[in-house]
N, C-alpha and C. Protein backbone atom coordinates (compact mmCIF):
# COMPACT_ATOMS: atom_id res chain seq x y z
N MET A 1 -4.52 75.32 33.34
CA MET A 1 -3.42 76.17 32.89
C MET A 1 -2.06 75.51 33.15
N LYS A 2 -1.95 74.82 34.29
CA LYS A 2 -0.68 74.15 34.59
C LYS A 2 -0.34 73.13 33.51
N LYS A 3 -1.35 72.38 33.08
CA LYS A 3 -1.14 71.34 32.07
C LYS A 3 -0.64 71.96 30.77
N ILE A 4 -1.19 73.10 30.40
CA ILE A 4 -0.76 73.78 29.17
C ILE A 4 0.69 74.23 29.29
N LEU A 5 1.03 74.82 30.42
CA LEU A 5 2.39 75.30 30.63
C LEU A 5 3.38 74.14 30.65
N ILE A 6 3.01 73.05 31.31
CA ILE A 6 3.91 71.90 31.37
C ILE A 6 4.06 71.26 29.99
N SER A 7 3.01 71.30 29.18
CA SER A 7 3.11 70.79 27.81
C SER A 7 4.16 71.58 27.03
N THR A 8 4.19 72.89 27.23
CA THR A 8 5.21 73.72 26.60
C THR A 8 6.60 73.35 27.10
N LEU A 9 6.72 73.13 28.39
CA LEU A 9 8.01 72.76 28.97
C LEU A 9 8.49 71.40 28.47
N ARG A 10 7.58 70.49 28.23
CA ARG A 10 7.94 69.15 27.78
C ARG A 10 8.49 69.13 26.36
N GLN A 11 7.96 69.99 25.51
CA GLN A 11 8.31 69.95 24.08
C GLN A 11 9.82 70.11 23.89
N GLU A 12 10.41 69.16 23.18
CA GLU A 12 11.85 69.20 22.92
C GLU A 12 12.25 70.44 22.14
N LYS A 13 11.35 70.90 21.26
CA LYS A 13 11.69 72.03 20.38
C LYS A 13 11.33 73.39 20.98
N THR A 14 10.83 73.41 22.21
CA THR A 14 10.52 74.70 22.84
C THR A 14 11.79 75.53 22.97
N SER A 15 11.74 76.77 22.52
CA SER A 15 12.92 77.65 22.57
C SER A 15 13.25 78.03 24.00
N LEU A 16 14.45 78.52 24.20
CA LEU A 16 14.88 78.98 25.52
C LEU A 16 13.94 80.05 26.05
N LYS A 17 13.59 81.01 25.20
CA LYS A 17 12.69 82.09 25.60
C LYS A 17 11.33 81.54 26.02
N ASP A 18 10.76 80.66 25.21
CA ASP A 18 9.44 80.11 25.52
C ASP A 18 9.48 79.21 26.75
N PHE A 19 10.57 78.48 26.91
CA PHE A 19 10.71 77.63 28.10
C PHE A 19 10.72 78.50 29.35
N ARG A 20 11.52 79.55 29.33
CA ARG A 20 11.59 80.43 30.49
C ARG A 20 10.25 81.07 30.81
N GLU A 21 9.56 81.53 29.77
CA GLU A 21 8.27 82.17 29.99
C GLU A 21 7.27 81.20 30.61
N ALA A 22 7.22 79.98 30.09
CA ALA A 22 6.29 78.98 30.63
C ALA A 22 6.69 78.59 32.05
N ALA A 23 7.99 78.44 32.29
CA ALA A 23 8.47 78.08 33.63
C ALA A 23 8.14 79.17 34.63
N ASP A 24 8.32 80.42 34.24
CA ASP A 24 8.04 81.53 35.15
C ASP A 24 6.55 81.64 35.45
N ARG A 25 5.73 81.41 34.46
CA ARG A 25 4.27 81.46 34.68
C ARG A 25 3.82 80.31 35.59
N LEU A 26 4.40 79.14 35.38
CA LEU A 26 4.06 78.00 36.24
C LEU A 26 4.52 78.26 37.67
N ALA A 27 5.70 78.85 37.82
CA ALA A 27 6.19 79.19 39.16
C ALA A 27 5.27 80.18 39.85
N THR A 28 4.71 81.11 39.09
CA THR A 28 3.78 82.08 39.66
C THR A 28 2.51 81.40 40.17
N LEU A 29 2.01 80.44 39.40
CA LEU A 29 0.82 79.69 39.84
C LEU A 29 1.11 78.91 41.12
N LEU A 30 2.27 78.28 41.19
CA LEU A 30 2.65 77.52 42.38
C LEU A 30 2.82 78.43 43.58
N ALA A 31 3.42 79.60 43.35
CA ALA A 31 3.62 80.54 44.44
C ALA A 31 2.29 81.07 44.96
N ALA A 32 1.36 81.32 44.04
CA ALA A 32 0.05 81.83 44.45
C ALA A 32 -0.71 80.83 45.31
N GLU A 33 -0.54 79.55 45.00
CA GLU A 33 -1.24 78.50 45.75
C GLU A 33 -0.55 78.16 47.06
N SER A 34 0.72 78.51 47.18
CA SER A 34 1.52 78.04 48.31
C SER A 34 1.08 78.60 49.65
N GLY A 35 0.45 79.77 49.63
CA GLY A 35 0.12 80.42 50.89
C GLY A 35 -1.12 79.91 51.59
N LYS A 36 -1.83 78.97 50.98
CA LYS A 36 -3.09 78.50 51.56
C LYS A 36 -2.92 77.92 52.96
N GLU A 37 -1.79 77.27 53.21
CA GLU A 37 -1.59 76.59 54.48
C GLU A 37 -0.81 77.43 55.50
N LEU A 38 -0.36 78.61 55.10
CA LEU A 38 0.43 79.42 56.03
C LEU A 38 -0.45 79.97 57.15
N PRO A 39 0.03 79.90 58.39
CA PRO A 39 -0.76 80.45 59.51
C PRO A 39 -0.90 81.96 59.39
N ARG A 40 -2.06 82.46 59.77
CA ARG A 40 -2.36 83.89 59.67
C ARG A 40 -2.96 84.39 60.97
N LYS A 41 -3.01 85.69 61.08
CA LYS A 41 -3.69 86.28 62.23
C LYS A 41 -4.63 87.37 61.74
N LYS A 42 -5.71 87.57 62.51
CA LYS A 42 -6.70 88.59 62.17
C LYS A 42 -6.21 89.96 62.63
N ILE A 43 -6.47 90.95 61.82
CA ILE A 43 -6.17 92.33 62.19
C ILE A 43 -7.35 93.21 61.83
N GLU A 44 -7.41 94.35 62.46
CA GLU A 44 -8.44 95.33 62.11
C GLU A 44 -7.86 96.31 61.13
N ILE A 45 -8.57 96.53 60.04
CA ILE A 45 -8.13 97.49 59.04
C ILE A 45 -9.24 98.50 58.78
N LYS A 46 -8.83 99.66 58.29
CA LYS A 46 -9.80 100.72 58.01
C LYS A 46 -9.80 101.00 56.52
N THR A 47 -10.93 100.81 55.89
CA THR A 47 -11.09 101.15 54.48
C THR A 47 -11.49 102.62 54.40
N PRO A 48 -11.57 103.19 53.20
CA PRO A 48 -12.06 104.56 53.09
C PRO A 48 -13.49 104.75 53.61
N LEU A 49 -14.22 103.64 53.80
CA LEU A 49 -15.61 103.74 54.22
C LEU A 49 -15.85 103.32 55.66
N GLU A 50 -15.18 102.27 56.13
CA GLU A 50 -15.42 101.80 57.50
C GLU A 50 -14.32 100.83 57.92
N SER A 51 -14.36 100.41 59.16
CA SER A 51 -13.41 99.43 59.66
C SER A 51 -13.91 98.02 59.35
N THR A 52 -12.95 97.12 59.15
CA THR A 52 -13.30 95.72 58.88
C THR A 52 -12.16 94.84 59.34
N GLU A 53 -12.34 93.56 59.18
CA GLU A 53 -11.32 92.60 59.60
C GLU A 53 -10.50 92.14 58.41
N GLY A 54 -9.19 92.04 58.61
CA GLY A 54 -8.30 91.54 57.57
C GLY A 54 -7.38 90.48 58.11
N GLU A 55 -6.44 90.04 57.30
CA GLU A 55 -5.50 89.00 57.70
C GLU A 55 -4.08 89.37 57.28
N VAL A 56 -3.12 88.95 58.07
CA VAL A 56 -1.71 89.04 57.71
C VAL A 56 -1.06 87.70 58.07
N LEU A 57 0.08 87.43 57.47
CA LEU A 57 0.80 86.21 57.80
C LEU A 57 1.33 86.28 59.22
N LEU A 58 1.23 85.17 59.92
CA LEU A 58 1.75 85.11 61.28
C LEU A 58 3.27 85.07 61.26
N HIS A 59 3.84 84.37 60.29
CA HIS A 59 5.31 84.29 60.14
C HIS A 59 5.65 84.33 58.65
N GLU A 60 6.70 85.06 58.32
CA GLU A 60 7.19 85.04 56.94
C GLU A 60 7.81 83.68 56.65
N PRO A 61 7.53 83.11 55.48
CA PRO A 61 8.15 81.83 55.15
C PRO A 61 9.62 81.99 54.80
N LEU A 62 10.38 80.96 55.05
CA LEU A 62 11.76 80.89 54.58
C LEU A 62 11.74 80.20 53.23
N LEU A 63 12.34 80.82 52.23
CA LEU A 63 12.41 80.25 50.88
C LEU A 63 13.76 79.58 50.70
N VAL A 64 13.74 78.30 50.33
CA VAL A 64 15.00 77.56 50.18
C VAL A 64 15.03 76.84 48.83
N PRO A 65 15.63 77.47 47.81
CA PRO A 65 15.80 76.76 46.55
C PRO A 65 16.95 75.76 46.64
N ILE A 66 16.74 74.59 46.04
CA ILE A 66 17.83 73.62 45.91
C ILE A 66 18.60 73.99 44.64
N LEU A 67 19.87 74.34 44.81
CA LEU A 67 20.68 74.76 43.67
C LEU A 67 20.92 73.56 42.74
N ARG A 68 20.84 73.83 41.45
CA ARG A 68 20.70 75.09 40.78
C ARG A 68 19.28 75.34 40.30
N SER A 69 18.58 74.27 39.93
CA SER A 69 17.28 74.45 39.28
C SER A 69 16.23 75.11 40.17
N GLY A 70 16.37 74.98 41.48
CA GLY A 70 15.43 75.63 42.39
C GLY A 70 15.41 77.14 42.27
N LEU A 71 16.52 77.69 41.75
CA LEU A 71 16.58 79.15 41.55
C LEU A 71 15.54 79.63 40.56
N THR A 72 15.09 78.76 39.67
CA THR A 72 14.10 79.17 38.68
C THR A 72 12.75 79.51 39.31
N LEU A 73 12.46 78.95 40.48
CA LEU A 73 11.20 79.21 41.17
C LEU A 73 11.27 80.43 42.09
N LEU A 74 12.47 80.81 42.47
CA LEU A 74 12.64 81.83 43.51
C LEU A 74 12.03 83.19 43.16
N PRO A 75 12.24 83.76 41.95
CA PRO A 75 11.68 85.09 41.68
C PRO A 75 10.17 85.18 41.87
N ALA A 76 9.44 84.16 41.44
CA ALA A 76 7.97 84.17 41.59
C ALA A 76 7.58 84.17 43.06
N PHE A 77 8.28 83.39 43.87
CA PHE A 77 7.96 83.34 45.29
C PHE A 77 8.32 84.64 45.99
N LEU A 78 9.38 85.30 45.55
CA LEU A 78 9.73 86.59 46.14
C LEU A 78 8.71 87.66 45.78
N GLN A 79 8.03 87.51 44.66
CA GLN A 79 6.96 88.44 44.31
C GLN A 79 5.83 88.36 45.32
N PHE A 80 5.53 87.16 45.78
CA PHE A 80 4.45 86.97 46.75
C PHE A 80 4.91 87.17 48.19
N TYR A 81 6.19 86.93 48.43
CA TYR A 81 6.73 87.05 49.80
C TYR A 81 7.99 87.91 49.78
N PRO A 82 7.83 89.23 49.52
CA PRO A 82 9.00 90.11 49.36
C PRO A 82 9.82 90.29 50.63
N LYS A 83 9.25 89.97 51.79
CA LYS A 83 9.98 90.10 53.05
C LYS A 83 10.61 88.78 53.49
N ALA A 84 10.42 87.74 52.71
CA ALA A 84 10.87 86.41 53.13
C ALA A 84 12.39 86.29 53.09
N PRO A 85 12.98 85.70 54.13
CA PRO A 85 14.40 85.37 54.07
C PRO A 85 14.62 84.23 53.09
N VAL A 86 15.84 84.14 52.57
CA VAL A 86 16.17 83.10 51.59
C VAL A 86 17.40 82.33 52.04
N GLY A 87 17.29 81.02 52.01
CA GLY A 87 18.44 80.15 52.28
C GLY A 87 18.73 79.32 51.04
N PHE A 88 19.86 78.64 51.05
CA PHE A 88 20.26 77.86 49.89
C PHE A 88 20.85 76.51 50.31
N VAL A 89 20.52 75.48 49.55
CA VAL A 89 21.22 74.20 49.67
C VAL A 89 21.62 73.76 48.26
N GLY A 90 22.88 73.38 48.13
CA GLY A 90 23.38 72.95 46.83
C GLY A 90 23.57 71.45 46.79
N MET A 91 23.01 70.82 45.76
CA MET A 91 23.10 69.36 45.61
C MET A 91 23.72 69.02 44.25
N LYS A 92 24.50 67.97 44.24
CA LYS A 92 25.04 67.43 42.99
C LYS A 92 24.73 65.94 42.96
N ARG A 93 24.01 65.52 41.94
CA ARG A 93 23.64 64.11 41.84
C ARG A 93 24.72 63.31 41.13
N ASP A 94 25.12 62.22 41.74
CA ASP A 94 26.04 61.27 41.10
C ASP A 94 25.24 60.51 40.04
N GLU A 95 25.55 60.75 38.78
CA GLU A 95 24.75 60.15 37.71
C GLU A 95 24.85 58.63 37.67
N ALA A 96 25.93 58.08 38.22
CA ALA A 96 26.09 56.63 38.22
C ALA A 96 25.21 55.96 39.27
N THR A 97 25.04 56.63 40.41
CA THR A 97 24.28 56.03 41.51
C THR A 97 22.95 56.72 41.78
N ALA A 98 22.76 57.92 41.22
CA ALA A 98 21.57 58.76 41.45
C ALA A 98 21.50 59.24 42.89
N ILE A 99 22.61 59.15 43.62
CA ILE A 99 22.64 59.60 45.01
C ILE A 99 23.13 61.05 45.06
N PRO A 100 22.38 61.96 45.70
CA PRO A 100 22.80 63.35 45.77
C PRO A 100 23.85 63.58 46.86
N LYS A 101 24.69 64.55 46.62
CA LYS A 101 25.68 64.94 47.62
C LYS A 101 25.55 66.44 47.88
N LEU A 102 25.62 66.81 49.15
CA LEU A 102 25.52 68.22 49.53
C LEU A 102 26.87 68.89 49.32
N TYR A 103 26.89 69.99 48.56
CA TYR A 103 28.14 70.72 48.39
C TYR A 103 28.08 72.14 48.93
N TYR A 104 26.86 72.60 49.29
CA TYR A 104 26.74 73.97 49.80
C TYR A 104 25.49 74.09 50.65
N LYS A 105 25.61 74.84 51.74
CA LYS A 105 24.44 75.12 52.58
C LYS A 105 24.61 76.47 53.24
N HIS A 106 23.59 77.30 53.12
CA HIS A 106 23.56 78.57 53.85
C HIS A 106 22.10 78.83 54.22
N LEU A 107 21.80 78.67 55.50
CA LEU A 107 20.43 78.82 55.96
C LEU A 107 20.36 79.86 57.07
N PRO A 108 19.38 80.78 57.00
CA PRO A 108 19.18 81.74 58.08
C PRO A 108 18.73 81.03 59.36
N THR A 109 18.68 81.78 60.44
CA THR A 109 18.22 81.23 61.71
C THR A 109 16.76 80.79 61.59
N LEU A 110 16.50 79.58 62.07
CA LEU A 110 15.15 79.01 62.04
C LEU A 110 14.60 78.87 63.44
N THR A 111 13.29 78.93 63.55
CA THR A 111 12.62 78.61 64.80
C THR A 111 11.62 77.48 64.53
N LYS A 112 11.01 76.98 65.57
CA LYS A 112 10.03 75.91 65.40
C LYS A 112 8.73 76.41 64.77
N GLU A 113 8.61 77.73 64.64
CA GLU A 113 7.42 78.31 64.01
C GLU A 113 7.65 78.67 62.54
N THR A 114 8.89 78.62 62.08
CA THR A 114 9.21 79.09 60.74
C THR A 114 8.63 78.18 59.65
N PRO A 115 7.73 78.71 58.79
CA PRO A 115 7.30 77.92 57.63
C PRO A 115 8.42 77.92 56.60
N VAL A 116 8.63 76.80 55.94
CA VAL A 116 9.70 76.68 54.95
C VAL A 116 9.12 76.22 53.62
N PHE A 117 9.45 76.93 52.55
CA PHE A 117 9.13 76.49 51.20
C PHE A 117 10.42 75.99 50.56
N LEU A 118 10.49 74.69 50.35
CA LEU A 118 11.64 74.07 49.70
C LEU A 118 11.34 74.00 48.21
N LEU A 119 12.17 74.65 47.40
CA LEU A 119 11.89 74.82 45.98
C LEU A 119 12.77 73.90 45.13
N ASP A 120 12.15 72.97 44.42
CA ASP A 120 12.87 72.01 43.58
C ASP A 120 11.96 71.59 42.44
N PRO A 121 12.19 72.10 41.22
CA PRO A 121 11.25 71.85 40.13
C PRO A 121 10.99 70.38 39.81
N MET A 122 12.01 69.52 39.96
CA MET A 122 11.88 68.12 39.57
C MET A 122 12.17 67.20 40.76
N ILE A 123 11.22 66.31 41.06
CA ILE A 123 11.43 65.31 42.10
C ILE A 123 11.49 63.95 41.42
N ALA A 124 12.68 63.39 41.33
CA ALA A 124 12.85 62.08 40.70
C ALA A 124 12.79 60.99 41.77
N THR A 125 13.93 60.68 42.38
CA THR A 125 13.94 59.67 43.45
C THR A 125 13.49 60.25 44.78
N GLY A 126 13.55 61.58 44.91
CA GLY A 126 13.26 62.22 46.19
C GLY A 126 14.49 62.37 47.05
N GLY A 127 15.64 61.91 46.55
CA GLY A 127 16.86 61.95 47.33
C GLY A 127 17.35 63.35 47.66
N SER A 128 17.34 64.24 46.67
CA SER A 128 17.80 65.61 46.92
C SER A 128 16.89 66.32 47.91
N ALA A 129 15.59 66.17 47.73
CA ALA A 129 14.65 66.79 48.66
C ALA A 129 14.84 66.24 50.06
N SER A 130 15.05 64.93 50.16
CA SER A 130 15.24 64.31 51.47
C SER A 130 16.47 64.85 52.17
N LEU A 131 17.57 64.97 51.44
CA LEU A 131 18.80 65.50 52.01
C LEU A 131 18.60 66.94 52.47
N ALA A 132 17.88 67.73 51.66
CA ALA A 132 17.60 69.12 52.03
C ALA A 132 16.73 69.19 53.28
N ILE A 133 15.73 68.33 53.36
CA ILE A 133 14.85 68.30 54.53
C ILE A 133 15.64 67.97 55.79
N GLU A 134 16.54 67.01 55.69
CA GLU A 134 17.37 66.65 56.85
C GLU A 134 18.23 67.82 57.30
N GLU A 135 18.77 68.58 56.34
CA GLU A 135 19.57 69.75 56.70
C GLU A 135 18.71 70.82 57.36
N LEU A 136 17.50 71.00 56.88
CA LEU A 136 16.58 71.96 57.50
C LEU A 136 16.22 71.54 58.92
N LYS A 137 15.99 70.27 59.11
CA LYS A 137 15.65 69.77 60.45
C LYS A 137 16.82 69.94 61.41
N LYS A 138 18.04 69.78 60.92
CA LYS A 138 19.22 70.01 61.76
C LYS A 138 19.27 71.45 62.26
N GLU A 139 18.76 72.37 61.44
CA GLU A 139 18.79 73.79 61.79
C GLU A 139 17.58 74.20 62.62
N GLY A 140 16.68 73.27 62.91
CA GLY A 140 15.55 73.57 63.79
C GLY A 140 14.19 73.60 63.14
N ALA A 141 14.12 73.38 61.83
CA ALA A 141 12.81 73.37 61.16
C ALA A 141 12.03 72.12 61.56
N LEU A 142 10.73 72.29 61.72
CA LEU A 142 9.86 71.16 62.00
C LEU A 142 9.32 70.60 60.68
N GLU A 143 9.26 69.29 60.60
CA GLU A 143 8.78 68.64 59.37
C GLU A 143 7.41 69.16 58.96
N LYS A 144 6.52 69.36 59.92
CA LYS A 144 5.16 69.79 59.61
C LYS A 144 5.11 71.20 59.03
N ASN A 145 6.19 71.96 59.18
CA ASN A 145 6.24 73.33 58.66
C ASN A 145 6.93 73.42 57.31
N ILE A 146 7.36 72.29 56.77
CA ILE A 146 8.08 72.30 55.49
C ILE A 146 7.12 71.94 54.36
N SER A 147 7.13 72.76 53.31
CA SER A 147 6.35 72.50 52.10
C SER A 147 7.32 72.36 50.93
N LEU A 148 7.21 71.26 50.22
CA LEU A 148 8.06 71.03 49.05
C LEU A 148 7.28 71.41 47.80
N ILE A 149 7.86 72.32 47.03
CA ILE A 149 7.21 72.84 45.82
C ILE A 149 7.92 72.29 44.60
N ALA A 150 7.18 71.65 43.69
CA ALA A 150 7.79 71.07 42.50
C ALA A 150 6.87 71.21 41.30
N CYS A 151 7.48 71.23 40.12
CA CYS A 151 6.71 71.29 38.87
C CYS A 151 6.32 69.89 38.41
N VAL A 152 7.27 68.97 38.43
CA VAL A 152 7.04 67.61 37.97
C VAL A 152 7.68 66.64 38.96
N ALA A 153 6.99 65.53 39.23
CA ALA A 153 7.52 64.53 40.16
C ALA A 153 7.18 63.13 39.66
N SER A 154 7.98 62.17 40.09
CA SER A 154 7.68 60.77 39.81
C SER A 154 6.88 60.18 40.95
N PRO A 155 6.04 59.18 40.68
CA PRO A 155 5.32 58.51 41.77
C PRO A 155 6.26 57.89 42.79
N GLU A 156 7.40 57.36 42.31
CA GLU A 156 8.37 56.75 43.22
C GLU A 156 8.93 57.77 44.21
N GLY A 157 9.26 58.95 43.70
CA GLY A 157 9.80 59.99 44.57
C GLY A 157 8.78 60.48 45.58
N VAL A 158 7.54 60.65 45.11
CA VAL A 158 6.47 61.11 46.00
C VAL A 158 6.19 60.07 47.09
N GLN A 159 6.12 58.81 46.69
CA GLN A 159 5.86 57.75 47.67
C GLN A 159 6.96 57.68 48.72
N TYR A 160 8.20 57.81 48.28
CA TYR A 160 9.32 57.78 49.21
C TYR A 160 9.23 58.94 50.21
N LEU A 161 8.96 60.12 49.72
CA LEU A 161 8.88 61.30 50.60
C LEU A 161 7.70 61.22 51.55
N GLU A 162 6.56 60.76 51.05
CA GLU A 162 5.38 60.64 51.91
C GLU A 162 5.59 59.61 53.01
N LYS A 163 6.29 58.53 52.68
CA LYS A 163 6.56 57.49 53.68
C LYS A 163 7.60 57.96 54.69
N THR A 164 8.63 58.65 54.21
CA THR A 164 9.73 59.08 55.08
C THR A 164 9.36 60.29 55.91
N TYR A 165 8.56 61.18 55.32
CA TYR A 165 8.19 62.43 56.00
C TYR A 165 6.66 62.59 55.96
N PRO A 166 5.95 61.89 56.81
CA PRO A 166 4.48 61.90 56.75
C PRO A 166 3.85 63.27 57.03
N GLU A 167 4.59 64.17 57.68
CA GLU A 167 4.04 65.50 57.98
C GLU A 167 4.41 66.54 56.93
N LEU A 168 5.21 66.16 55.96
CA LEU A 168 5.63 67.07 54.89
C LEU A 168 4.45 67.42 53.99
N SER A 169 4.37 68.70 53.58
CA SER A 169 3.36 69.12 52.60
C SER A 169 3.98 69.11 51.22
N LEU A 170 3.29 68.51 50.27
CA LEU A 170 3.78 68.44 48.90
C LEU A 170 2.87 69.25 47.98
N HIS A 171 3.47 70.14 47.19
CA HIS A 171 2.73 70.93 46.21
C HIS A 171 3.37 70.66 44.85
N ILE A 172 2.72 69.82 44.05
CA ILE A 172 3.30 69.36 42.79
C ILE A 172 2.33 69.67 41.65
N ALA A 173 2.86 70.30 40.60
CA ALA A 173 2.01 70.66 39.48
C ALA A 173 1.60 69.45 38.64
N GLU A 174 2.52 68.49 38.46
CA GLU A 174 2.23 67.34 37.59
C GLU A 174 2.95 66.09 38.08
N LEU A 175 2.20 65.00 38.20
CA LEU A 175 2.78 63.71 38.57
C LEU A 175 2.99 62.90 37.30
N ASP A 176 4.25 62.52 37.04
CA ASP A 176 4.58 61.81 35.80
C ASP A 176 4.43 60.29 35.95
N GLN A 177 4.80 59.57 34.87
CA GLN A 177 4.61 58.12 34.84
C GLN A 177 5.54 57.38 35.79
N GLY A 178 6.79 57.79 35.83
CA GLY A 178 7.74 57.06 36.67
C GLY A 178 9.17 57.41 36.34
N LEU A 179 10.09 56.52 36.72
CA LEU A 179 11.52 56.70 36.49
C LEU A 179 12.01 55.64 35.51
N ASN A 180 12.98 56.03 34.66
CA ASN A 180 13.60 55.03 33.79
C ASN A 180 14.77 54.37 34.53
N LYS A 181 15.51 53.52 33.85
CA LYS A 181 16.59 52.78 34.51
C LYS A 181 17.73 53.68 34.98
N SER A 182 17.80 54.89 34.42
CA SER A 182 18.82 55.86 34.85
C SER A 182 18.30 56.78 35.95
N LYS A 183 17.09 56.50 36.43
CA LYS A 183 16.45 57.29 37.49
C LYS A 183 16.08 58.70 37.04
N PHE A 184 15.80 58.85 35.74
CA PHE A 184 15.28 60.11 35.23
C PHE A 184 13.77 60.00 35.09
N ILE A 185 13.07 61.13 35.31
CA ILE A 185 11.62 61.14 35.22
C ILE A 185 11.18 60.99 33.76
N VAL A 186 10.20 60.11 33.53
CA VAL A 186 9.62 59.96 32.19
C VAL A 186 8.10 60.14 32.28
N PRO A 187 7.46 60.77 31.27
CA PRO A 187 8.10 61.33 30.09
C PRO A 187 9.01 62.53 30.38
N GLY A 188 8.79 63.21 31.49
CA GLY A 188 9.70 64.27 31.90
C GLY A 188 9.75 65.44 30.95
N LEU A 189 10.82 66.21 31.08
CA LEU A 189 11.01 67.36 30.20
C LEU A 189 12.49 67.69 30.02
N GLY A 190 13.35 66.74 30.36
CA GLY A 190 14.78 66.98 30.26
C GLY A 190 15.32 67.58 31.54
N ASP A 191 16.52 68.14 31.45
CA ASP A 191 17.14 68.78 32.61
C ASP A 191 16.58 70.20 32.77
N TYR A 192 15.82 70.41 33.82
CA TYR A 192 15.12 71.69 34.01
C TYR A 192 16.09 72.86 34.05
N GLY A 193 17.14 72.71 34.83
CA GLY A 193 18.11 73.80 34.96
C GLY A 193 18.80 74.11 33.65
N ASP A 194 19.23 73.07 32.93
CA ASP A 194 19.89 73.28 31.65
C ASP A 194 18.98 73.98 30.65
N ARG A 195 17.72 73.57 30.61
CA ARG A 195 16.80 74.15 29.64
C ARG A 195 16.42 75.59 30.01
N TYR A 196 16.36 75.88 31.30
CA TYR A 196 16.01 77.23 31.74
C TYR A 196 17.19 78.19 31.59
N PHE A 197 18.37 77.72 31.95
CA PHE A 197 19.55 78.60 31.93
C PHE A 197 20.31 78.55 30.61
N GLY A 198 19.87 77.69 29.69
CA GLY A 198 20.45 77.72 28.35
C GLY A 198 21.71 76.91 28.19
N GLU A 199 21.77 75.74 28.84
CA GLU A 199 22.95 74.90 28.74
C GLU A 199 22.58 73.52 28.23
N VAL A 200 21.93 73.48 27.10
CA VAL A 200 21.53 72.21 26.50
C VAL A 200 22.61 71.77 25.52
N ASP A 201 23.05 70.51 25.65
CA ASP A 201 24.08 69.99 24.74
C ASP A 201 23.50 69.84 23.34
């Protein structure tokens, strides 16, 4: 199903409505899978027939979209984690150097137990994700508790992140061929935020 949705996202002629619908459905699939690694605790519950054992999350995850495109993943994750706190990091990539710069950060209080879902649909060089991870670590997040959620990534970006952050969890729907000379993902799907929010030139 992910492949079908990403095929819709890739198509240059996909309408704004269809792009949003496919993006939202893909985000829902990623959100559904994201909880597999979250720590849980056993509880006793009572059904209409008898008592049995159930599970609840040990800690609510912190959701951190990287502005702006990370906002596209947030609604789906809030559906699965309605009690989750939300933080934000804003990045702007210098198109000449492909180096990201932090322009905004607002993160709730973190503990060493807080699971973090870092939301970024596209991982090109891995620079934006790396900068966000460093900001999270400054606030007390442990690398092993951070999960990076993405729709499409380049092998170069993934390799960089895996080497730099060996304890980081990566959840990626599709691994693409690589980066072009401008450091854009190919074959890619264009600018995710522009296509989702309707700002295509």
